[in-house]
Amino acid sequence: MLAAEPAAQRVLNSVSTNRPTAADDLTVLGAARAAFVDAVARLHAAGSEVKINTGAAVRAALSDLAAAADDAPVRAGLRQLQSLIAPAENAMPVAALTAARHRAADLAASPMWTAGERAAAVTLGTLNKGPLQA
């Protein structure tokens, strides 16, 4: 893929000056296209749902999938958060915990998170470290 950009530039230069393109450059571009199509297919098979039409989009999708691979402990924390019980004698922590449990359930139900959702999930997961554990 690294050779594709210079090859594309040479092909563009050849076409713009009305000269024939080098067969090697066309071979490099064909291989780059095949590799790109394969990468997009593999990303979609792995669960990426974003529109992937550039190299930057491929890199972003790979980054998202790598981050999602680290989500298992965070998701476990969200499940644990849903079992926490606040002391019934004070309505404020009960209301706050109820809201946190609902947000945790929503996040846990989502197959992929945005960066903001991942940050919220990590923050919610820290609630498991307190005295409210069942």
Foldseek 3Di string as FASTA:
>chain_A
DVVLVVLVVQCVVCVVVVHDRDPVSVVVNVVVVVVQVVLVVVLVVLPDDDDDDDPVSSVVSVVQSVVLVVCVVLLVLLVQLLQFDDPPVDVVVRVVSVVLNVLSVVLNPDSGDDPVSSVSSNVSSCVSVDPRGD
